PDB file of N, CA and C in Angstrom:
ATOM      1  N   MET A   1       1.875  14.757 -15.066  1.00  0.00           N
ATOM      2  CA  MET A   1       2.133  13.509 -14.347  1.00  0.00           C
ATOM      3  C   MET A   1       0.903  13.132 -13.523  1.00  0.00           C
ATOM      4  N   ALA A   2       0.638  11.868 -13.427  1.00  0.00           N
ATOM      5  CA  ALA A   2      -0.516  11.363 -12.697  1.00  0.00           C
ATOM      6  C   ALA A   2      -0.343  11.589 -11.193  1.00  0.00           C
ATOM      7  N   THR A   3      -1.453  11.644 -10.505  1.00  0.00           N
ATOM      8  CA  THR A   3      -1.425  11.795  -9.059  1.00  0.00           C
ATOM      9  C   THR A   3      -0.819  10.537  -8.442  1.00  0.00           C
ATOM     10  N   PRO A   4       0.154  10.701  -7.547  1.00  0.00           N
ATOM     11  CA  PRO A   4       0.759   9.527  -6.910  1.00  0.00           C
ATOM     12  C   PRO A   4      -0.160   8.949  -5.840  1.00  0.00           C
ATOM     13  N   LEU A   5       0.355   7.968  -5.158  1.00  0.00           N
ATOM     14  CA  LEU A   5      -0.369   7.387  -4.025  1.00  0.00           C
ATOM     15  C   LEU A   5      -0.282   8.305  -2.826  1.00  0.00           C
ATOM     16  N   PHE A   6      -1.225   8.116  -1.918  1.00  0.00           N
ATOM     17  CA  PHE A   6      -1.230   8.877  -0.684  1.00  0.00           C
ATOM     18  C   PHE A   6      -1.135   7.921   0.497  1.00  0.00           C
ATOM     19  N   LEU A   7      -0.503   8.375   1.544  1.00  0.00           N
ATOM     20  CA  LEU A   7      -0.405   7.611   2.793  1.00  0.00           C
ATOM     21  C   LEU A   7      -1.205   8.358   3.847  1.00  0.00           C
ATOM     22  N   SER A   8      -2.144   7.676   4.482  1.00  0.00           N
ATOM     23  CA  SER A   8      -2.908   8.325   5.549  1.00  0.00           C
ATOM     24  C   SER A   8      -2.018   8.450   6.784  1.00  0.00           C
ATOM     25  N   ASP A   9      -2.424   9.343   7.688  1.00  0.00           N
ATOM     26  CA  ASP A   9      -1.668   9.521   8.929  1.00  0.00           C
ATOM     27  C   ASP A   9      -1.623   8.226   9.737  1.00  0.00           C
ATOM     28  N   SER A  10      -2.738   7.458   9.721  1.00  0.00           N
ATOM     29  CA  SER A  10      -2.762   6.195  10.476  1.00  0.00           C
ATOM     30  C   SER A  10      -1.763   5.200   9.900  1.00  0.00           C
ATOM     31  N   ALA A  11      -1.613   5.188   8.566  1.00  0.00           N
ATOM     32  CA  ALA A  11      -0.649   4.279   7.938  1.00  0.00           C
ATOM     33  C   ALA A  11       0.779   4.701   8.278  1.00  0.00           C
ATOM     34  N   VAL A  12       1.049   6.001   8.251  1.00  0.00           N
ATOM     35  CA  VAL A  12       2.386   6.500   8.590  1.00  0.00           C
ATOM     36  C   VAL A  12       2.757   6.085  10.016  1.00  0.00           C
ATOM     37  N   THR A  13       1.825   6.283  10.937  1.00  0.00           N
ATOM     38  CA  THR A  13       2.072   5.943  12.343  1.00  0.00           C
ATOM     39  C   THR A  13       2.363   4.462  12.501  1.00  0.00           C
ATOM     40  N   LYS A  14       1.566   3.606  11.843  1.00  0.00           N
ATOM     41  CA  LYS A  14       1.745   2.155  11.984  1.00  0.00           C
ATOM     42  C   LYS A  14       3.047   1.692  11.335  1.00  0.00           C
ATOM     43  N   VAL A  15       3.368   2.215  10.159  1.00  0.00           N
ATOM     44  CA  VAL A  15       4.626   1.833   9.502  1.00  0.00           C
ATOM     45  C   VAL A  15       5.802   2.214  10.396  1.00  0.00           C
ATOM     46  N   ARG A  16       5.754   3.411  10.958  1.00  0.00           N
ATOM     47  CA  ARG A  16       6.837   3.863  11.833  1.00  0.00           C
ATOM     48  C   ARG A  16       6.977   2.914  13.028  1.00  0.00           C
ATOM     49  N   GLU A  17       5.847   2.514  13.625  1.00  0.00           N
ATOM     50  CA  GLU A  17       5.878   1.570  14.756  1.00  0.00           C
ATOM     51  C   GLU A  17       6.515   0.244  14.355  1.00  0.00           C
ATOM     52  N   LEU A  18       6.096  -0.286  13.214  1.00  0.00           N
ATOM     53  CA  LEU A  18       6.599  -1.586  12.769  1.00  0.00           C
ATOM     54  C   LEU A  18       8.081  -1.530  12.429  1.00  0.00           C
ATOM     55  N   VAL A  19       8.523  -0.442  11.811  1.00  0.00           N
ATOM     56  CA  VAL A  19       9.940  -0.285  11.474  1.00  0.00           C
ATOM     57  C   VAL A  19      10.769  -0.225  12.759  1.00  0.00           C
ATOM     58  N   GLU A  20      10.265   0.508  13.761  1.00  0.00           N
ATOM     59  CA  GLU A  20      10.982   0.597  15.034  1.00  0.00           C
ATOM     60  C   GLU A  20      11.057  -0.768  15.712  1.00  0.00           C
ATOM     61  N   GLU A  21       9.956  -1.540  15.645  1.00  0.00           N
ATOM     62  CA  GLU A  21       9.954  -2.885  16.234  1.00  0.00           C
ATOM     63  C   GLU A  21      11.007  -3.773  15.582  1.00  0.00           C
ATOM     64  N   GLU A  22      11.146  -3.649  14.262  1.00  0.00           N
ATOM     65  CA  GLU A  22      12.128  -4.468  13.539  1.00  0.00           C
ATOM     66  C   GLU A  22      13.551  -3.985  13.786  1.00  0.00           C
ATOM     67  N   GLY A  23      13.701  -2.744  14.194  1.00  0.00           N
ATOM     68  CA  GLY A  23      15.028  -2.200  14.465  1.00  0.00           C
ATOM     69  C   GLY A  23      15.846  -1.971  13.204  1.00  0.00           C
ATOM     70  N   ASN A  24      15.170  -1.824  12.063  1.00  0.00           N
ATOM     71  CA  ASN A  24      15.867  -1.590  10.799  1.00  0.00           C
ATOM     72  C   ASN A  24      15.295  -0.334  10.144  1.00  0.00           C
ATOM     73  N   PRO A  25      15.966   0.807  10.325  1.00  0.00           N
ATOM     74  CA  PRO A  25      15.438   2.065   9.783  1.00  0.00           C
ATOM     75  C   PRO A  25      15.408   2.111   8.252  1.00  0.00           C
ATOM     76  N   GLN A  26      16.019   1.116   7.597  1.00  0.00           N
ATOM     77  CA  GLN A  26      16.029   1.079   6.129  1.00  0.00           C
ATOM     78  C   GLN A  26      14.734   0.493   5.544  1.00  0.00           C
ATOM     79  N   LEU A  27      13.890  -0.104   6.393  1.00  0.00           N
ATOM     80  CA  LEU A  27      12.671  -0.755   5.895  1.00  0.00           C
ATOM     81  C   LEU A  27      11.678   0.252   5.325  1.00  0.00           C
ATOM     82  N   LYS A  28      11.082  -0.128   4.196  1.00  0.00           N
ATOM     83  CA  LYS A  28      10.077   0.681   3.535  1.00  0.00           C
ATOM     84  C   LYS A  28       8.855  -0.209   3.289  1.00  0.00           C
ATOM     85  N   LEU A  29       7.676   0.389   3.302  1.00  0.00           N
ATOM     86  CA  LEU A  29       6.462  -0.364   3.017  1.00  0.00           C
ATOM     87  C   LEU A  29       6.289  -0.453   1.511  1.00  0.00           C
ATOM     88  N   ARG A  30       6.147  -1.675   1.018  1.00  0.00           N
ATOM     89  CA  ARG A  30       5.913  -1.882  -0.407  1.00  0.00           C
ATOM     90  C   ARG A  30       4.463  -2.300  -0.586  1.00  0.00           C
ATOM     91  N   VAL A  31       3.755  -1.608  -1.472  1.00  0.00           N
ATOM     92  CA  VAL A  31       2.387  -1.998  -1.803  1.00  0.00           C
ATOM     93  C   VAL A  31       2.404  -2.470  -3.251  1.00  0.00           C
ATOM     94  N   PHE A  32       1.696  -3.561  -3.519  1.00  0.00           N
ATOM     95  CA  PHE A  32       1.718  -4.116  -4.869  1.00  0.00           C
ATOM     96  C   PHE A  32       0.366  -4.715  -5.211  1.00  0.00           C
ATOM     97  N   VAL A  33       0.178  -4.933  -6.488  1.00  0.00           N
ATOM     98  CA  VAL A  33      -1.052  -5.527  -6.992  1.00  0.00           C
ATOM     99  C   VAL A  33      -0.688  -6.836  -7.671  1.00  0.00           C
ATOM    100  N   THR A  34      -1.448  -7.891  -7.362  1.00  0.00           N
ATOM    101  CA  THR A  34      -1.233  -9.179  -8.006  1.00  0.00           C
ATOM    102  C   THR A  34      -2.562  -9.672  -8.565  1.00  0.00           C
ATOM    103  N   GLY A  35      -2.477 -10.578  -9.518  1.00  0.00           N
ATOM    104  CA  GLY A  35      -3.684 -11.194 -10.041  1.00  0.00           C
ATOM    105  C   GLY A  35      -4.244 -12.152  -9.011  1.00  0.00           C
ATOM    106  N   GLY A  36      -5.555 -12.336  -9.044  1.00  0.00           N
ATOM    107  CA  GLY A  36      -6.180 -13.262  -8.110  1.00  0.00           C
ATOM    108  C   GLY A  36      -7.173 -12.560  -7.220  1.00  0.00           C
ATOM    109  N   GLY A  37      -7.520 -13.197  -6.131  1.00  0.00           N
ATOM    110  CA  GLY A  37      -8.538 -12.628  -5.249  1.00  0.00           C
ATOM    111  C   GLY A  37      -9.911 -12.853  -5.844  1.00  0.00           C
ATOM    112  N   CYS A  38     -10.936 -12.485  -5.100  1.00  0.00           N
ATOM    113  CA  CYS A  38     -12.295 -12.766  -5.555  1.00  0.00           C
ATOM    114  C   CYS A  38     -12.794 -11.778  -6.596  1.00  0.00           C
ATOM    115  N   SER A  39     -12.047 -10.694  -6.848  1.00  0.00           N
ATOM    116  CA  SER A  39     -12.501  -9.714  -7.836  1.00  0.00           C
ATOM    117  C   SER A  39     -11.524  -9.512  -8.999  1.00  0.00           C
ATOM    118  N   GLY A  40     -10.483 -10.318  -9.095  1.00  0.00           N
ATOM    119  CA  GLY A  40      -9.577 -10.227 -10.233  1.00  0.00           C
ATOM    120  C   GLY A  40      -8.176  -9.769  -9.881  1.00  0.00           C
ATOM    121  N   PHE A  41      -8.064  -8.763  -9.000  1.00  0.00           N
ATOM    122  CA  PHE A  41      -6.760  -8.286  -8.533  1.00  0.00           C
ATOM    123  C   PHE A  41      -6.806  -8.223  -7.015  1.00  0.00           C
ATOM    124  N   GLN A  42      -5.640  -8.315  -6.400  1.00  0.00           N
ATOM    125  CA  GLN A  42      -5.616  -8.110  -4.957  1.00  0.00           C
ATOM    126  C   GLN A  42      -4.391  -7.310  -4.563  1.00  0.00           C
ATOM    127  N   TYR A  43      -4.518  -6.633  -3.442  1.00  0.00           N
ATOM    128  CA  TYR A  43      -3.433  -5.809  -2.920  1.00  0.00           C
ATOM    129  C   TYR A  43      -2.537  -6.655  -2.033  1.00  0.00           C
ATOM    130  N   GLY A  44      -1.275  -6.315  -2.028  1.00  0.00           N
ATOM    131  CA  GLY A  44      -0.342  -6.953  -1.125  1.00  0.00           C
ATOM    132  C   GLY A  44       0.544  -5.903  -0.487  1.00  0.00           C
ATOM    133  N   PHE A  45       1.026  -6.218   0.707  1.00  0.00           N
ATOM    134  CA  PHE A  45       1.916  -5.322   1.437  1.00  0.00           C
ATOM    135  C   PHE A  45       3.083  -6.128   1.964  1.00  0.00           C
ATOM    136  N   SER A  46       4.262  -5.546   1.904  1.00  0.00           N
ATOM    137  CA  SER A  46       5.421  -6.194   2.497  1.00  0.00           C
ATOM    138  C   SER A  46       6.396  -5.112   2.927  1.00  0.00           C
ATOM    139  N   PHE A  47       7.336  -5.498   3.778  1.00  0.00           N
ATOM    140  CA  PHE A  47       8.400  -4.569   4.129  1.00  0.00           C
ATOM    141  C   PHE A  47       9.627  -4.949   3.330  1.00  0.00           C
ATOM    142  N   ASP A  48      10.314  -3.939   2.836  1.00  0.00           N
ATOM    143  CA  ASP A  48      11.433  -4.159   1.935  1.00  0.00           C
ATOM    144  C   ASP A  48      12.532  -3.166   2.272  1.00  0.00           C
ATOM    145  N   ASP A  49      13.769  -3.635   2.356  1.00  0.00           N
ATOM    146  CA  ASP A  49      14.855  -2.672   2.543  1.00  0.00           C
ATOM    147  C   ASP A  49      15.611  -2.445   1.240  1.00  0.00           C
ATOM    148  N   ASN A  50      15.110  -3.055   0.164  1.00  0.00           N
ATOM    149  CA  ASN A  50      15.687  -2.833  -1.159  1.00  0.00           C
ATOM    150  C   ASN A  50      14.738  -1.979  -1.993  1.00  0.00           C
ATOM    151  N   GLN A  51      15.291  -0.938  -2.574  1.00  0.00           N
ATOM    152  CA  GLN A  51      14.505  -0.071  -3.442  1.00  0.00           C
ATOM    153  C   GLN A  51      15.036  -0.229  -4.856  1.00  0.00           C
ATOM    154  N   ASP A  52      14.154  -0.633  -5.787  1.00  0.00           N
ATOM    155  CA  ASP A  52      14.558  -0.804  -7.174  1.00  0.00           C
ATOM    156  C   ASP A  52      14.542   0.538  -7.897  1.00  0.00           C
ATOM    157  N   GLU A  53      15.362   0.636  -8.937  1.00  0.00           N
ATOM    158  CA  GLU A  53      15.442   1.867  -9.718  1.00  0.00           C
ATOM    159  C   GLU A  53      14.091   2.286 -10.279  1.00  0.00           C
ATOM    160  N   GLU A  54      13.283   1.301 -10.674  1.00  0.00           N
ATOM    161  CA  GLU A  54      12.005   1.592 -11.323  1.00  0.00           C
ATOM    162  C   GLU A  54      10.893   1.913 -10.329  1.00  0.00           C
ATOM    163  N   ASP A  55      11.118   1.691  -9.037  1.00  0.00           N
ATOM    164  CA  ASP A  55      10.074   1.920  -8.042  1.00  0.00           C
ATOM    165  C   ASP A  55       9.668   3.389  -7.993  1.00  0.00           C
ATOM    166  N   THR A  56       8.377   3.615  -7.800  1.00  0.00           N
ATOM    167  CA  THR A  56       7.898   4.943  -7.453  1.00  0.00           C
ATOM    168  C   THR A  56       8.024   5.053  -5.942  1.00  0.00           C
ATOM    169  N   VAL A  57       8.568   6.163  -5.478  1.00  0.00           N
ATOM    170  CA  VAL A  57       8.821   6.365  -4.057  1.00  0.00           C
ATOM    171  C   VAL A  57       7.932   7.490  -3.549  1.00  0.00           C
ATOM    172  N   ILE A  58       7.149   7.206  -2.527  1.00  0.00           N
ATOM    173  CA  ILE A  58       6.310   8.214  -1.896  1.00  0.00           C
ATOM    174  C   ILE A  58       6.773   8.325  -0.455  1.00  0.00           C
ATOM    175  N   GLU A  59       7.097   9.534  -0.026  1.00  0.00           N
ATOM    176  CA  GLU A  59       7.560   9.725   1.341  1.00  0.00           C
ATOM    177  C   GLU A  59       6.615  10.657   2.071  1.00  0.00           C
ATOM    178  N   LYS A  60       6.371  10.340   3.330  1.00  0.00           N
ATOM    179  CA  LYS A  60       5.548  11.198   4.178  1.00  0.00           C
ATOM    180  C   LYS A  60       6.012  11.051   5.614  1.00  0.00           C
ATOM    181  N   ASP A  61       6.383  12.155   6.226  1.00  0.00           N
ATOM    182  CA  ASP A  61       6.776  12.176   7.645  1.00  0.00           C
ATOM    183  C   ASP A  61       7.810  11.112   7.990  1.00  0.00           C
ATOM    184  N   GLY A  62       8.793  10.925   7.121  1.00  0.00           N
ATOM    185  CA  GLY A  62       9.875  10.002   7.405  1.00  0.00           C
ATOM    186  C   GLY A  62       9.587   8.556   7.063  1.00  0.00           C
ATOM    187  N   VAL A  63       8.395   8.274   6.504  1.00  0.00           N
ATOM    188  CA  VAL A  63       8.032   6.914   6.111  1.00  0.00           C
ATOM    189  C   VAL A  63       8.060   6.828   4.591  1.00  0.00           C
ATOM    190  N   THR A  64       8.581   5.730   4.062  1.00  0.00           N
ATOM    191  CA  THR A  64       8.693   5.566   2.617  1.00  0.00           C
ATOM    192  C   THR A  64       7.799   4.433   2.136  1.00  0.00           C
ATOM    193  N   LEU A  65       7.056   4.715   1.069  1.00  0.00           N
ATOM    194  CA  LEU A  65       6.202   3.729   0.410  1.00  0.00           C
ATOM    195  C   LEU A  65       6.788   3.474  -0.967  1.00  0.00           C
ATOM    196  N   LEU A  66       6.928   2.204  -1.337  1.00  0.00           N
ATOM    197  CA  LEU A  66       7.453   1.819  -2.643  1.00  0.00           C
ATOM    198  C   LEU A  66       6.367   1.144  -3.469  1.00  0.00           C
ATOM    199  N   VAL A  67       6.345   1.466  -4.765  1.00  0.00           N
ATOM    200  CA  VAL A  67       5.400   0.833  -5.682  1.00  0.00           C
ATOM    201  C   VAL A  67       6.140   0.484  -6.960  1.00  0.00           C
ATOM    202  N   ASP A  68       6.037  -0.770  -7.390  1.00  0.00           N
ATOM    203  CA  ASP A  68       6.686  -1.182  -8.631  1.00  0.00           C
ATOM    204  C   ASP A  68       5.878  -0.647  -9.813  1.00  0.00           C
ATOM    205  N   PRO A  69       6.525  -0.510 -11.004  1.00  0.00           N
ATOM    206  CA  PRO A  69       5.855   0.087 -12.160  1.00  0.00           C
ATOM    207  C   PRO A  69       4.592  -0.649 -12.600  1.00  0.00           C
ATOM    208  N   MET A  70       4.572  -1.963 -12.485  1.00  0.00           N
ATOM    209  CA  MET A  70       3.403  -2.738 -12.891  1.00  0.00           C
ATOM    210  C   MET A  70       2.199  -2.417 -12.006  1.00  0.00           C
ATOM    211  N   SER A  71       2.432  -2.320 -10.707  1.00  0.00           N
ATOM    212  CA  SER A  71       1.348  -2.046  -9.759  1.00  0.00           C
ATOM    213  C   SER A  71       0.907  -0.588  -9.791  1.00  0.00           C
ATOM    214  N   TYR A  72       1.845   0.305 -10.081  1.00  0.00           N
ATOM    215  CA  TYR A  72       1.574   1.742 -10.019  1.00  0.00           C
ATOM    216  C   TYR A  72       0.367   2.145 -10.859  1.00  0.00           C
ATOM    217  N   GLN A  73       0.246   1.573 -12.053  1.00  0.00           N
ATOM    218  CA  GLN A  73      -0.844   1.948 -12.956  1.00  0.00           C
ATOM    219  C   GLN A  73      -2.217   1.691 -12.343  1.00  0.00           C
ATOM    220  N   TYR A  74      -2.301   0.713 -11.436  1.00  0.00           N
ATOM    221  CA  TYR A  74      -3.581   0.385 -10.801  1.00  0.00           C
ATOM    222  C   TYR A  74      -3.826   1.204  -9.530  1.00  0.00           C
ATOM    223  N   LEU A  75      -2.780   1.866  -9.061  1.00  0.00           N
ATOM    224  CA  LEU A  75      -2.847   2.516  -7.754  1.00  0.00           C
ATOM    225  C   LEU A  75      -2.801   4.040  -7.808  1.00  0.00           C
ATOM    226  N   VAL A  76      -2.725   4.619  -8.995  1.00  0.00           N
ATOM    227  CA  VAL A  76      -2.643   6.077  -9.117  1.00  0.00           C
ATOM    228  C   VAL A  76      -3.848   6.725  -8.442  1.00  0.00           C
ATOM    229  N   GLY A  77      -3.583   7.636  -7.523  1.00  0.00           N
ATOM    230  CA  GLY A  77      -4.644   8.352  -6.839  1.00  0.00           C
ATOM    231  C   GLY A  77      -5.210   7.642  -5.625  1.00  0.00           C
ATOM    232  N   ALA A  78      -4.728   6.428  -5.351  1.00  0.00           N
ATOM    233  CA  ALA A  78      -5.245   5.648  -4.220  1.00  0.00           C
ATOM    234  C   ALA A  78      -4.603   6.112  -2.910  1.00  0.00           C
ATOM    235  N   THR A  79      -5.236   5.755  -1.812  1.00  0.00           N
ATOM    236  CA  THR A  79      -4.720   6.078  -0.482  1.00  0.00           C
ATOM    237  C   THR A  79      -4.506   4.790   0.294  1.00  0.00           C
ATOM    238  N   VAL A  80      -3.314   4.641   0.867  1.00  0.00           N
ATOM    239  CA  VAL A  80      -3.020   3.513   1.739  1.00  0.00           C
ATOM    240  C   VAL A  80      -3.360   3.950   3.158  1.00  0.00           C
ATOM    241  N   GLU A  81      -4.225   3.181   3.802  1.00  0.00           N
ATOM    242  CA  GLU A  81      -4.665   3.495   5.154  1.00  0.00           C
ATOM    243  C   GLU A  81      -4.398   2.310   6.064  1.00  0.00           C
ATOM    244  N   TYR A  82      -4.420   2.573   7.361  1.00  0.00           N
ATOM    245  CA  TYR A  82      -4.326   1.498   8.339  1.00  0.00           C
ATOM    246  C   TYR A  82      -5.593   1.551   9.179  1.00  0.00           C
ATOM    247  N   THR A  83      -6.317   0.449   9.220  1.00  0.00           N
ATOM    248  CA  THR A  83      -7.574   0.429   9.952  1.00  0.00           C
ATOM    249  C   THR A  83      -7.545  -0.639  11.039  1.00  0.00           C
ATOM    250  N   GLU A  84      -8.272  -0.362  12.099  1.00  0.00           N
ATOM    251  CA  GLU A  84      -8.449  -1.331  13.176  1.00  0.00           C
ATOM    252  C   GLU A  84      -9.939  -1.506  13.364  1.00  0.00           C
ATOM    253  N   GLY A  85     -10.408  -2.742  13.265  1.00  0.00           N
ATOM    254  CA  GLY A  85     -11.833  -2.980  13.386  1.00  0.00           C
ATOM    255  C   GLY A  85     -12.132  -4.406  13.774  1.00  0.00           C
ATOM    256  N   LEU A  86     -13.367  -4.799  13.583  1.00  0.00           N
ATOM    257  CA  LEU A  86     -13.809  -6.142  13.964  1.00  0.00           C
ATOM    258  C   LEU A  86     -13.079  -7.229  13.185  1.00  0.00           C
ATOM    259  N   GLN A  87     -12.691  -6.918  11.938  1.00  0.00           N
ATOM    260  CA  GLN A  87     -11.993  -7.907  11.118  1.00  0.00           C
ATOM    261  C   GLN A  87     -10.496  -7.902  11.376  1.00  0.00           C
ATOM    262  N   GLY A  88     -10.061  -7.176  12.387  1.00  0.00           N
ATOM    263  CA  GLY A  88      -8.648  -7.122  12.711  1.00  0.00           C
ATOM    264  C   GLY A  88      -8.018  -5.828  12.221  1.00  0.00           C
ATOM    265  N   SER A  89      -6.751  -5.707  12.460  1.00  0.00           N
ATOM    266  CA  SER A  89      -5.999  -4.531  12.045  1.00  0.00           C
ATOM    267  C   SER A  89      -5.280  -4.846  10.749  1.00  0.00           C
ATOM    268  N   GLN A  90      -5.344  -3.902   9.802  1.00  0.00           N
ATOM    269  CA  GLN A  90      -4.721  -4.183   8.514  1.00  0.00           C
ATOM    270  C   GLN A  90      -4.495  -2.902   7.721  1.00  0.00           C
ATOM    271  N   PHE A  91      -3.558  -2.995   6.792  1.00  0.00           N
ATOM    272  CA  PHE A  91      -3.400  -1.936   5.805  1.00  0.00           C
ATOM    273  C   PHE A  91      -4.452  -2.169   4.729  1.00  0.00           C
ATOM    274  N   VAL A  92      -5.089  -1.105   4.276  1.00  0.00           N
ATOM    275  CA  VAL A  92      -6.082  -1.199   3.207  1.00  0.00           C
ATOM    276  C   VAL A  92      -5.812  -0.103   2.191  1.00  0.00           C
ATOM    277  N   VAL A  93      -6.321  -0.296   0.985  1.00  0.00           N
ATOM    278  CA  VAL A  93      -6.165   0.674  -0.083  1.00  0.00           C
ATOM    279  C   VAL A  93      -7.543   1.210  -0.463  1.00  0.00           C
ATOM    280  N   SER A  94      -7.695   2.526  -0.400  1.00  0.00           N
ATOM    281  CA  SER A  94      -8.898   3.177  -0.928  1.00  0.00           C
ATOM    282  C   SER A  94      -8.555   3.590  -2.347  1.00  0.00           C
ATOM    283  N   ASN A  95      -9.131   2.891  -3.320  1.00  0.00           N
ATOM    284  CA  ASN A  95      -8.711   3.049  -4.703  1.00  0.00           C
ATOM    285  C   ASN A  95      -9.856   3.577  -5.568  1.00  0.00           C
ATOM    286  N   PRO A  96      -9.747   4.825  -6.051  1.00  0.00           N
ATOM    287  CA  PRO A  96     -10.794   5.385  -6.904  1.00  0.00           C
ATOM    288  C   PRO A  96     -10.858   4.737  -8.282  1.00  0.00           C
ATOM    289  N   ASN A  97      -9.831   3.962  -8.647  1.00  0.00           N
ATOM    290  CA  ASN A  97      -9.791   3.312  -9.955  1.00  0.00           C
ATOM    291  C   ASN A  97     -10.565   1.999  -9.974  1.00  0.00           C
ATOM    292  N   ALA A  98     -10.857   1.452  -8.813  1.00  0.00           N
ATOM    293  CA  ALA A  98     -11.520   0.147  -8.740  1.00  0.00           C
ATOM    294  C   ALA A  98     -12.998   0.304  -9.069  1.00  0.00           C
ATOM    295  N   SER A  99     -13.467  -0.485 -10.014  1.00  0.00           N
ATOM    296  CA  SER A  99     -14.890  -0.432 -10.365  1.00  0.00           C
ATOM    297  C   SER A  99     -15.721  -1.247  -9.386  1.00  0.00           C
ATOM    298  N   SER A 100     -15.102  -2.236  -8.768  1.00  0.00           N
ATOM    299  CA  SER A 100     -15.788  -3.002  -7.729  1.00  0.00           C
ATOM    300  C   SER A 100     -14.749  -3.574  -6.781  1.00  0.00           C
ATOM    301  N   THR A 101     -15.176  -3.791  -5.548  1.00  0.00           N
ATOM    302  CA  THR A 101     -14.297  -4.399  -4.561  1.00  0.00           C
ATOM    303  C   THR A 101     -15.059  -5.540  -3.900  1.00  0.00           C
ATOM    304  N   CYS A 102     -14.326  -6.382  -3.213  1.00  0.00           N
ATOM    305  CA  CYS A 102     -14.977  -7.493  -2.522  1.00  0.00           C
ATOM    306  C   CYS A 102     -15.183  -7.114  -1.057  1.00  0.00           C
ATOM    307  N   GLY A 103     -15.888  -7.927  -0.345  1.00  0.00           N
ATOM    308  CA  GLY A 103     -16.188  -7.646   1.053  1.00  0.00           C
ATOM    309  C   GLY A 103     -14.982  -7.545   1.947  1.00  0.00           C
ATOM    310  N   CYS A 104     -13.910  -8.279   1.623  1.00  0.00           N
ATOM    311  CA  CYS A 104     -12.745  -8.253   2.498  1.00  0.00           C
ATOM    312  C   CYS A 104     -11.900  -7.008   2.280  1.00  0.00           C
ATOM    313  N   GLY A 105     -12.129  -6.298   1.169  1.00  0.00           N
ATOM    314  CA  GLY A 105     -11.411  -5.051   0.925  1.00  0.00           C
ATOM    315  C   GLY A 105     -10.028  -5.226   0.359  1.00  0.00           C
ATOM    316  N   SER A 106      -9.585  -6.469   0.143  1.00  0.00           N
ATOM    317  CA  SER A 106      -8.229  -6.667  -0.367  1.00  0.00           C
ATOM    318  C   SER A 106      -8.220  -7.058  -1.836  1.00  0.00           C
ATOM    319  N   SER A 107      -9.393  -7.138  -2.445  1.00  0.00           N
ATOM    320  CA  SER A 107      -9.503  -7.549  -3.842  1.00  0.00           C
ATOM    321  C   SER A 107     -10.360  -6.550  -4.599  1.00  0.00           C
ATOM    322  N   PHE A 108     -10.042  -6.340  -5.878  1.00  0.00           N
ATOM    323  CA  PHE A 108     -10.782  -5.352  -6.654  1.00  0.00           C
ATOM    324  C   PHE A 108     -10.751  -5.692  -8.137  1.00  0.00           C
ATOM    325  N   SER A 109     -11.571  -5.021  -8.914  1.00  0.00           N
ATOM    326  CA  SER A 109     -11.521  -5.140 -10.363  1.00  0.00           C
ATOM    327  C   SER A 109     -11.529  -3.743 -10.962  1.00  0.00           C
ATOM    328  N   ILE A 110     -11.058  -3.659 -12.202  1.00  0.00           N
ATOM    329  CA  ILE A 110     -10.960  -2.365 -12.908  1.00  0.00           C
ATOM    330  C   ILE A 110     -12.070  -2.266 -13.927  1.00  0.00           C
TER     331      ILE A 110
END
C-alpha cells in the first residue's frame, strides 16, 4: 500500500483549535486537489462533518484528515502543514509528487 498523507504537529494543533472554535467535535479537515491554479492543479481545504465511504481517513492525536479517492493519487506521501508567515497563516501541502509549484504554494503540476 502507498504511503498515506501526513499531518504535521502544527496542522494538528490548528485543526484542533478551529474545531473547538466551531463547537462541533465531528468536524474533520478535508484536503482536496482541483484543476486550475497557475501550475495546473491546486490544493483546497475545507471542514467537513460528513465522511464518505470512499474517503481515505488519516488520524493523528484526535484530529481527522479526509481525502477523496480522486485527490488521494496526487497526495500520496505529502505532508499537510500549517504555517504562519508574511503571506498570512494557512494550511499548505509539502508534496514530493509535484514536479513544480508556484510562488503562492497552493498550485502545482505533476
